[in-house]
C-alpha atoms as a PDB file:
ATOM      1  CA  UNK A   1     -40.859  73.410 -17.265  1.00  0.00           C
ATOM      2  CA  UNK A   2     -44.063  75.518 -17.170  1.00  0.00           C
ATOM      3  CA  UNK A   3     -46.062  72.917 -19.426  1.00  0.00           C
ATOM      4  CA  UNK A   4     -45.905  70.636 -16.732  1.00  0.00           C
ATOM      5  CA  UNK A   5     -49.432  69.195 -15.464  1.00  0.00           C
ATOM      6  CA  UNK A   6     -50.435  70.988 -11.557  1.00  0.00           C
ATOM      7  CA  UNK A   7     -50.696  68.443  -9.399  1.00  0.00           C
ATOM      8  CA  UNK A   8     -52.210  68.761  -5.517  1.00  0.00           C
ATOM      9  CA  UNK A   9     -49.690  67.333  -4.154  1.00  0.00           C
ATOM     10  CA  UNK A  10     -47.667  70.400  -5.369  1.00  0.00           C
ATOM     11  CA  UNK A  11     -45.889  72.626  -2.916  1.00  0.00           C
ATOM     12  CA  UNK A  12     -47.846  76.058  -2.288  1.00  0.00           C
ATOM     13  CA  UNK A  13     -45.922  79.189  -2.855  1.00  0.00           C
ATOM     14  CA  UNK A  14     -46.325  80.053   1.087  1.00  0.00           C
ATOM     15  CA  UNK A  15     -44.872  76.285   1.488  1.00  0.00           C
ATOM     16  CA  UNK A  16     -41.950  76.455  -0.721  1.00  0.00           C
ATOM     17  CA  UNK A  17     -41.284  80.447   0.611  1.00  0.00           C
ATOM     18  CA  UNK A  18     -40.221  78.011   4.283  1.00  0.00           C
ATOM     19  CA  UNK A  19     -38.507  75.153   2.158  1.00  0.00           C
ATOM     20  CA  UNK A  20     -36.262  77.307   0.421  1.00  0.00           C
ATOM     21  CA  UNK A  21     -34.012  78.428   2.343  1.00  0.00           C
ATOM     22  CA  UNK A  22     -33.433  75.147   3.307  1.00  0.00           C
ATOM     23  CA  UNK A  23     -32.802  73.729  -0.217  1.00  0.00           C
ATOM     24  CA  UNK A  24     -28.977  75.572  -0.347  1.00  0.00           C
ATOM     25  CA  UNK A  25     -28.167  73.820   2.925  1.00  0.00           C
ATOM     26  CA  UNK A  26     -25.176  71.323   2.118  1.00  0.00           C
ATOM     27  CA  UNK A  27     -25.842  67.993   3.267  1.00  0.00           C
ATOM     28  CA  UNK A  28     -22.712  68.169   5.300  1.00  0.00           C
ATOM     29  CA  UNK A  29     -20.271  69.896   5.946  1.00  0.00           C
ATOM     30  CA  UNK A  30     -17.758  67.158   4.779  1.00  0.00           C
ATOM     31  CA  UNK A  31     -19.621  67.566   1.699  1.00  0.00           C
ATOM     32  CA  UNK A  32     -17.055  69.959  -1.090  1.00  0.00           C
ATOM     33  CA  UNK A  33     -19.157  73.400  -1.859  1.00  0.00           C
ATOM     34  CA  UNK A  34     -19.887  73.733  -5.499  1.00  0.00           C
ATOM     35  CA  UNK A  35     -17.885  75.444  -7.812  1.00  0.00           C
ATOM     36  CA  UNK A  36     -18.464  78.213  -9.158  1.00  0.00           C
ATOM     37  CA  UNK A  37     -18.759  77.346 -13.413  1.00  0.00           C
ATOM     38  CA  UNK A  38     -20.601  74.849 -12.624  1.00  0.00           C
ATOM     39  CA  UNK A  39     -23.558  72.916 -14.792  1.00  0.00           C
ATOM     40  CA  UNK A  40     -26.484  74.632 -13.536  1.00  0.00           C
ATOM     41  CA  UNK A  41     -29.382  72.813 -12.523  1.00  0.00           C
ATOM     42  CA  UNK A  42     -31.587  71.257 -15.414  1.00  0.00           C
ATOM     43  CA  UNK A  43     -34.507  70.890 -12.645  1.00  0.00           C
ATOM     44  CA  UNK A  44     -35.273  73.457 -10.263  1.00  0.00           C
ATOM     45  CA  UNK A  45     -35.269  72.205  -6.403  1.00  0.00           C
ATOM     46  CA  UNK A  46     -39.176  73.004  -5.802  1.00  0.00           C
ATOM     47  CA  UNK A  47     -39.481  70.179  -8.983  1.00  0.00           C
ATOM     48  CA  UNK A  48     -37.842  67.854  -6.848  1.00  0.00           C
ATOM     49  CA  UNK A  49     -39.504  68.559  -3.652  1.00  0.00           C
ATOM     50  CA  UNK A  50     -42.541  68.080  -6.032  1.00  0.00           C
ATOM     51  CA  UNK A  51     -41.498  64.812  -7.452  1.00  0.00           C
ATOM     52  CA  UNK A  52     -40.573  63.741  -3.552  1.00  0.00           C
ATOM     53  CA  UNK A  53     -44.375  64.717  -2.610  1.00  0.00           C
ATOM     54  CA  UNK A  54     -46.350  62.546  -4.835  1.00  0.00           C
ATOM     55  CA  UNK A  55     -43.768  59.094  -4.348  1.00  0.00           C
ATOM     56  CA  UNK A  56     -43.953  59.845  -0.556  1.00  0.00           C
ATOM     57  CA  UNK A  57     -47.309  61.030   0.230  1.00  0.00           C
END
């Protein structure tokens, strides 16, 4: 995914360093934890946050 354009709204490395630990927290205690051996993510979480920022500035 290194071939994508860089946008001014993208997170800086410093901003991502703050948000990355939060991206690994489960949404709810009721939500089951991911099972080992599951399918790996296709899109990095940082890219998802960048996309959300572009839609909701």
